[in-house]
Amino acid sequence: MAARIRELAGRSSIAELARRTGTSRSRMSTYASGKVTPSAAMMLRIERVAGT
C-alpha cells in the first residue's frame, strides 16, 4: 500500500496529495512510509484525487 501511495504522490507531492485529500502532510507521510496503513475509505480518496 505504501508503494502505491508513493507512486500516486510522485505525480505531484506528498504535501499536495495530503491537501487534496483533506489530511495532514504528516499523516500522508506516515501512509507513504508504511508506518500506518490508511483505511479503505482514505485509500479510495487518495486514488480519486490522484486521478486513477
N, C-alpha and C. Protein backbone atom coordinates (compact mmCIF):
# COMPACT_ATOMS: atom_id res chain seq x y z
N MET A 1 0.83 -1.18 0.00
CA MET A 1 0.00 0.00 0.00
C MET A 1 0.88 1.25 0.00
N ALA A 2 1.95 1.24 0.79
CA ALA A 2 2.84 2.41 0.86
C ALA A 2 3.46 2.71 -0.51
N ALA A 3 3.84 1.67 -1.22
CA ALA A 3 4.45 1.87 -2.54
C ALA A 3 3.44 2.50 -3.50
N ARG A 4 2.21 2.09 -3.41
CA ARG A 4 1.16 2.67 -4.28
C ARG A 4 0.96 4.15 -3.96
N ILE A 5 0.95 4.49 -2.69
CA ILE A 5 0.78 5.89 -2.29
C ILE A 5 1.97 6.72 -2.79
N ARG A 6 3.18 6.20 -2.65
CA ARG A 6 4.36 6.91 -3.15
C ARG A 6 4.27 7.08 -4.67
N GLU A 7 3.80 6.06 -5.35
CA GLU A 7 3.63 6.14 -6.80
C GLU A 7 2.64 7.24 -7.17
N LEU A 8 1.51 7.26 -6.48
CA LEU A 8 0.50 8.27 -6.76
C LEU A 8 0.99 9.67 -6.42
N ALA A 9 1.70 9.79 -5.32
CA ALA A 9 2.22 11.09 -4.90
C ALA A 9 3.32 11.57 -5.82
N GLY A 10 4.02 10.66 -6.44
CA GLY A 10 5.11 11.02 -7.33
C GLY A 10 4.67 11.93 -8.46
N ARG A 11 3.41 11.88 -8.78
CA ARG A 11 2.88 12.75 -9.83
C ARG A 11 2.79 14.20 -9.39
N SER A 12 2.73 14.44 -8.10
CA SER A 12 2.75 15.80 -7.57
C SER A 12 3.69 15.82 -6.37
N SER A 13 3.14 15.75 -5.18
CA SER A 13 3.97 15.65 -3.97
C SER A 13 3.10 15.12 -2.84
N ILE A 14 3.76 14.67 -1.79
CA ILE A 14 3.03 14.18 -0.62
C ILE A 14 2.17 15.32 -0.05
N ALA A 15 2.74 16.52 0.02
CA ALA A 15 2.00 17.67 0.57
C ALA A 15 0.77 17.98 -0.27
N GLU A 16 0.91 17.95 -1.58
CA GLU A 16 -0.23 18.24 -2.46
C GLU A 16 -1.28 17.14 -2.36
N LEU A 17 -0.85 15.91 -2.31
CA LEU A 17 -1.79 14.79 -2.16
C LEU A 17 -2.54 14.91 -0.83
N ALA A 18 -1.83 15.27 0.22
CA ALA A 18 -2.46 15.47 1.53
C ALA A 18 -3.50 16.58 1.48
N ARG A 19 -3.11 17.70 0.88
CA ARG A 19 -4.04 18.84 0.79
C ARG A 19 -5.30 18.45 0.03
N ARG A 20 -5.13 17.76 -1.08
CA ARG A 20 -6.28 17.40 -1.91
C ARG A 20 -7.17 16.35 -1.27
N THR A 21 -6.64 15.53 -0.37
CA THR A 21 -7.46 14.52 0.30
C THR A 21 -8.02 15.02 1.63
N GLY A 22 -7.57 16.19 2.08
CA GLY A 22 -8.09 16.74 3.32
C GLY A 22 -7.43 16.18 4.57
N THR A 23 -6.21 15.69 4.42
CA THR A 23 -5.48 15.18 5.58
C THR A 23 -4.17 15.95 5.72
N SER A 24 -3.49 15.75 6.81
CA SER A 24 -2.24 16.49 7.03
C SER A 24 -1.09 15.87 6.25
N ARG A 25 -0.09 16.68 5.99
CA ARG A 25 1.10 16.20 5.30
C ARG A 25 1.79 15.11 6.12
N SER A 26 1.82 15.30 7.43
CA SER A 26 2.48 14.30 8.27
C SER A 26 1.74 12.97 8.24
N ARG A 27 0.42 13.00 8.22
CA ARG A 27 -0.35 11.76 8.14
C ARG A 27 -0.11 11.07 6.80
N MET A 28 -0.11 11.85 5.72
CA MET A 28 0.14 11.27 4.40
C MET A 28 1.54 10.68 4.34
N SER A 29 2.49 11.32 4.98
CA SER A 29 3.86 10.79 5.03
C SER A 29 3.92 9.45 5.75
N THR A 30 3.12 9.31 6.82
CA THR A 30 3.11 8.03 7.54
C THR A 30 2.51 6.93 6.67
N TYR A 31 1.54 7.29 5.83
CA TYR A 31 0.98 6.32 4.89
C TYR A 31 2.04 5.94 3.86
N ALA A 32 2.72 6.93 3.30
CA ALA A 32 3.70 6.70 2.24
C ALA A 32 4.92 5.92 2.74
N SER A 33 5.24 6.06 4.01
CA SER A 33 6.39 5.34 4.56
C SER A 33 6.02 3.93 5.01
N GLY A 34 4.74 3.64 5.11
CA GLY A 34 4.28 2.33 5.54
C GLY A 34 4.16 2.18 7.04
N LYS A 35 4.35 3.28 7.78
CA LYS A 35 4.22 3.23 9.24
C LYS A 35 2.78 3.03 9.67
N VAL A 36 1.85 3.57 8.89
CA VAL A 36 0.42 3.46 9.16
C VAL A 36 -0.26 3.06 7.87
N THR A 37 -1.22 2.16 7.95
CA THR A 37 -2.00 1.76 6.78
C THR A 37 -3.27 2.60 6.74
N PRO A 38 -3.53 3.26 5.61
CA PRO A 38 -4.75 4.06 5.52
C PRO A 38 -5.99 3.17 5.50
N SER A 39 -7.09 3.72 5.96
CA SER A 39 -8.35 2.99 5.89
C SER A 39 -8.73 2.81 4.42
N ALA A 40 -9.66 1.93 4.18
CA ALA A 40 -10.13 1.71 2.81
C ALA A 40 -10.73 3.00 2.25
N ALA A 41 -11.47 3.73 3.08
CA ALA A 41 -12.07 4.99 2.62
C ALA A 41 -11.00 6.01 2.25
N MET A 42 -9.94 6.10 3.05
CA MET A 42 -8.86 7.04 2.74
C MET A 42 -8.13 6.61 1.47
N MET A 43 -7.91 5.32 1.31
CA MET A 43 -7.23 4.86 0.10
C MET A 43 -8.05 5.19 -1.13
N LEU A 44 -9.35 5.06 -1.04
CA LEU A 44 -10.22 5.45 -2.17
C LEU A 44 -10.11 6.93 -2.46
N ARG A 45 -10.07 7.77 -1.41
CA ARG A 45 -9.90 9.22 -1.62
C ARG A 45 -8.58 9.51 -2.27
N ILE A 46 -7.53 8.86 -1.83
CA ILE A 46 -6.21 9.07 -2.43
C ILE A 46 -6.23 8.70 -3.91
N GLU A 47 -6.80 7.56 -4.22
CA GLU A 47 -6.89 7.11 -5.61
C GLU A 47 -7.70 8.10 -6.45
N ARG A 48 -8.80 8.58 -5.91
CA ARG A 48 -9.66 9.51 -6.65
C ARG A 48 -8.96 10.82 -6.95
N VAL A 49 -8.34 11.42 -5.94
CA VAL A 49 -7.70 12.72 -6.17
C VAL A 49 -6.47 12.59 -7.05
N ALA A 50 -5.87 11.41 -7.07
CA ALA A 50 -4.70 11.19 -7.92
C ALA A 50 -5.11 10.92 -9.37
N GLY A 51 -6.42 10.78 -9.57
CA GLY A 51 -6.92 10.60 -10.92
C GLY A 51 -6.80 9.21 -11.47
N THR A 52 -6.86 8.22 -10.59
CA THR A 52 -6.77 6.85 -11.10
C THR A 52 -8.10 6.15 -10.99
